[in-house]
């Protein structure tokens, strides 16, 4: 595992992306945003590399 990968909780993901909670989960459901990984029965997090990769893809391929 790479040392620069961090796990981000939902509030951090929302702050970094500017998405709202319901929008983030709608994008996950539609496959437009990376899904979280399960940390436990009621706990999830996102790989920082997945979130930054999503942001970079938006920059490379802006939506019209």
N, C-alpha and C. Protein backbone atom coordinates (compact mmCIF):
# COMPACT_ATOMS: atom_id res chain seq x y z
N UNK A 1 0.84 -1.18 0.00
CA UNK A 1 0.00 0.00 0.00
C UNK A 1 0.88 1.24 0.00
N UNK A 2 0.48 2.22 -0.77
CA UNK A 2 1.24 3.46 -0.85
C UNK A 2 1.06 4.27 0.43
N UNK A 3 2.13 4.94 0.85
CA UNK A 3 2.07 5.72 2.08
C UNK A 3 1.26 7.00 1.94
N UNK A 4 1.12 7.52 0.72
CA UNK A 4 0.42 8.79 0.54
C UNK A 4 -1.10 8.64 0.44
N UNK A 5 -1.61 7.43 0.50
CA UNK A 5 -3.05 7.22 0.48
C UNK A 5 -3.61 7.43 1.88
N UNK A 6 -4.60 8.29 1.97
CA UNK A 6 -5.29 8.53 3.23
C UNK A 6 -6.74 8.14 3.06
N UNK A 7 -7.38 7.80 4.14
CA UNK A 7 -8.81 7.51 4.11
C UNK A 7 -9.56 8.76 4.55
N UNK A 8 -10.53 9.14 3.76
CA UNK A 8 -11.31 10.35 4.01
C UNK A 8 -12.72 9.96 4.42
N UNK A 9 -13.21 10.60 5.46
CA UNK A 9 -14.59 10.40 5.88
C UNK A 9 -15.48 11.36 5.10
N UNK A 10 -16.78 11.13 5.16
CA UNK A 10 -17.73 11.89 4.34
C UNK A 10 -17.59 13.41 4.48
N UNK A 11 -17.50 13.97 5.69
CA UNK A 11 -17.36 15.43 5.76
C UNK A 11 -16.14 15.97 5.01
N UNK A 12 -15.04 15.22 5.05
CA UNK A 12 -13.84 15.64 4.32
C UNK A 12 -14.08 15.56 2.81
N UNK A 13 -14.72 14.50 2.35
CA UNK A 13 -15.00 14.32 0.93
C UNK A 13 -15.89 15.46 0.44
N UNK A 14 -16.92 15.78 1.20
CA UNK A 14 -17.83 16.85 0.80
C UNK A 14 -17.12 18.19 0.76
N UNK A 15 -16.24 18.44 1.71
CA UNK A 15 -15.49 19.70 1.73
C UNK A 15 -14.55 19.79 0.53
N UNK A 16 -13.85 18.72 0.24
CA UNK A 16 -12.88 18.71 -0.85
C UNK A 16 -13.57 18.86 -2.20
N UNK A 17 -14.69 18.17 -2.39
CA UNK A 17 -15.34 18.15 -3.70
C UNK A 17 -16.35 19.28 -3.91
N UNK A 18 -16.88 19.80 -2.82
CA UNK A 18 -17.94 20.79 -2.93
C UNK A 18 -19.30 20.19 -3.18
N UNK A 19 -19.39 18.87 -3.15
CA UNK A 19 -20.67 18.19 -3.34
C UNK A 19 -21.47 18.20 -2.05
N UNK A 20 -22.78 18.09 -2.16
CA UNK A 20 -23.64 17.86 -1.02
C UNK A 20 -23.76 16.37 -0.78
N UNK A 21 -24.22 16.01 0.39
CA UNK A 21 -24.34 14.59 0.76
C UNK A 21 -25.20 13.81 -0.22
N UNK A 22 -26.40 14.30 -0.50
CA UNK A 22 -27.30 13.56 -1.39
C UNK A 22 -26.76 13.51 -2.81
N UNK A 23 -26.11 14.57 -3.26
CA UNK A 23 -25.52 14.58 -4.60
C UNK A 23 -24.39 13.56 -4.69
N UNK A 24 -23.54 13.51 -3.68
CA UNK A 24 -22.44 12.55 -3.67
C UNK A 24 -22.98 11.12 -3.76
N UNK A 25 -23.96 10.80 -2.94
CA UNK A 25 -24.50 9.43 -2.96
C UNK A 25 -25.25 9.13 -4.26
N UNK A 26 -25.88 10.13 -4.86
CA UNK A 26 -26.53 9.92 -6.16
C UNK A 26 -25.48 9.64 -7.23
N UNK A 27 -24.37 10.35 -7.18
CA UNK A 27 -23.28 10.13 -8.14
C UNK A 27 -22.63 8.77 -7.93
N UNK A 28 -22.54 8.33 -6.69
CA UNK A 28 -22.01 6.99 -6.42
C UNK A 28 -22.93 5.95 -7.04
N UNK A 29 -24.22 6.12 -6.82
CA UNK A 29 -25.21 5.16 -7.34
C UNK A 29 -25.18 5.09 -8.86
N UNK A 30 -24.95 6.23 -9.51
CA UNK A 30 -24.92 6.26 -10.98
C UNK A 30 -23.55 5.91 -11.55
N UNK A 31 -22.56 5.71 -10.69
CA UNK A 31 -21.22 5.37 -11.15
C UNK A 31 -20.37 6.56 -11.53
N UNK A 32 -20.84 7.76 -11.23
CA UNK A 32 -20.10 8.97 -11.57
C UNK A 32 -19.08 9.39 -10.51
N UNK A 33 -19.13 8.77 -9.35
CA UNK A 33 -18.23 9.13 -8.25
C UNK A 33 -17.76 7.83 -7.60
N UNK A 34 -16.51 7.80 -7.11
CA UNK A 34 -16.01 6.55 -6.52
C UNK A 34 -16.79 6.13 -5.28
N UNK A 35 -17.01 4.85 -5.18
CA UNK A 35 -17.70 4.30 -4.01
C UNK A 35 -16.75 4.23 -2.82
N UNK A 36 -17.30 4.34 -1.63
CA UNK A 36 -16.45 4.23 -0.44
C UNK A 36 -16.08 2.78 -0.17
N UNK A 37 -15.11 2.60 0.71
CA UNK A 37 -14.77 1.26 1.17
C UNK A 37 -15.34 1.09 2.57
N UNK A 38 -15.72 -0.11 2.90
CA UNK A 38 -16.28 -0.39 4.22
C UNK A 38 -15.17 -0.51 5.25
N UNK A 39 -15.32 0.21 6.35
CA UNK A 39 -14.39 0.11 7.46
C UNK A 39 -14.97 -0.77 8.56
N UNK A 40 -16.25 -0.88 8.56
CA UNK A 40 -16.95 -1.66 9.58
C UNK A 40 -18.42 -1.69 9.24
N UNK A 41 -19.24 -2.24 10.14
CA UNK A 41 -20.66 -2.36 9.85
C UNK A 41 -21.37 -1.04 9.58
N UNK A 42 -20.94 0.04 10.20
CA UNK A 42 -21.60 1.34 10.02
C UNK A 42 -20.60 2.45 9.72
N UNK A 43 -19.51 2.08 9.06
CA UNK A 43 -18.45 3.05 8.84
C UNK A 43 -17.83 2.86 7.46
N UNK A 44 -17.76 3.95 6.70
CA UNK A 44 -17.14 3.92 5.38
C UNK A 44 -16.17 5.09 5.25
N UNK A 45 -15.28 4.97 4.27
CA UNK A 45 -14.34 6.04 3.96
C UNK A 45 -13.95 5.93 2.50
N UNK A 46 -13.41 7.00 1.96
CA UNK A 46 -12.96 7.03 0.58
C UNK A 46 -11.45 7.12 0.55
N UNK A 47 -10.83 6.44 -0.41
CA UNK A 47 -9.38 6.59 -0.61
C UNK A 47 -9.14 7.99 -1.17
N UNK A 48 -8.18 8.69 -0.61
CA UNK A 48 -7.89 10.04 -1.07
C UNK A 48 -7.52 10.04 -2.55
N UNK A 49 -6.84 8.98 -3.00
CA UNK A 49 -6.45 8.91 -4.41
C UNK A 49 -7.66 8.77 -5.32
N UNK A 50 -8.72 8.10 -4.86
CA UNK A 50 -9.94 7.99 -5.66
C UNK A 50 -10.61 9.34 -5.81
N UNK A 51 -10.65 10.10 -4.72
CA UNK A 51 -11.30 11.42 -4.74
C UNK A 51 -10.49 12.38 -5.60
N UNK A 52 -9.18 12.42 -5.42
CA UNK A 52 -8.37 13.33 -6.23
C UNK A 52 -8.39 12.92 -7.70
N UNK A 53 -8.45 11.62 -7.96
CA UNK A 53 -8.56 11.15 -9.35
C UNK A 53 -9.85 11.61 -10.00
N UNK A 54 -10.94 11.60 -9.22
CA UNK A 54 -12.23 12.07 -9.73
C UNK A 54 -12.14 13.56 -10.06
N UNK A 55 -11.54 14.34 -9.18
CA UNK A 55 -11.39 15.78 -9.41
C UNK A 55 -10.53 16.02 -10.65
N UNK A 56 -9.43 15.30 -10.77
CA UNK A 56 -8.55 15.46 -11.93
C UNK A 56 -9.27 15.09 -13.23
N UNK A 57 -10.14 14.08 -13.19
CA UNK A 57 -10.88 13.72 -14.40
C UNK A 57 -11.86 14.83 -14.81
N UNK A 58 -12.43 15.52 -13.83
CA UNK A 58 -13.30 16.66 -14.14
C UNK A 58 -12.52 17.79 -14.81
N UNK A 59 -11.29 17.99 -14.36
CA UNK A 59 -10.45 19.03 -14.93
C UNK A 59 -10.05 18.67 -16.35
N UNK A 60 -9.68 17.40 -16.57
CA UNK A 60 -9.28 16.94 -17.91
C UNK A 60 -10.45 16.91 -18.88
N UNK A 61 -11.64 16.57 -18.40
CA UNK A 61 -12.82 16.42 -19.25
C UNK A 61 -13.98 17.21 -18.65
N UNK A 62 -13.92 18.54 -18.76
CA UNK A 62 -14.99 19.35 -18.15
C UNK A 62 -16.35 19.05 -18.77
N UNK A 63 -17.37 19.11 -17.94
CA UNK A 63 -18.73 18.88 -18.41
C UNK A 63 -19.28 20.18 -18.96
N UNK A 64 -20.05 20.06 -20.00
CA UNK A 64 -20.61 21.26 -20.65
C UNK A 64 -21.96 21.56 -20.09
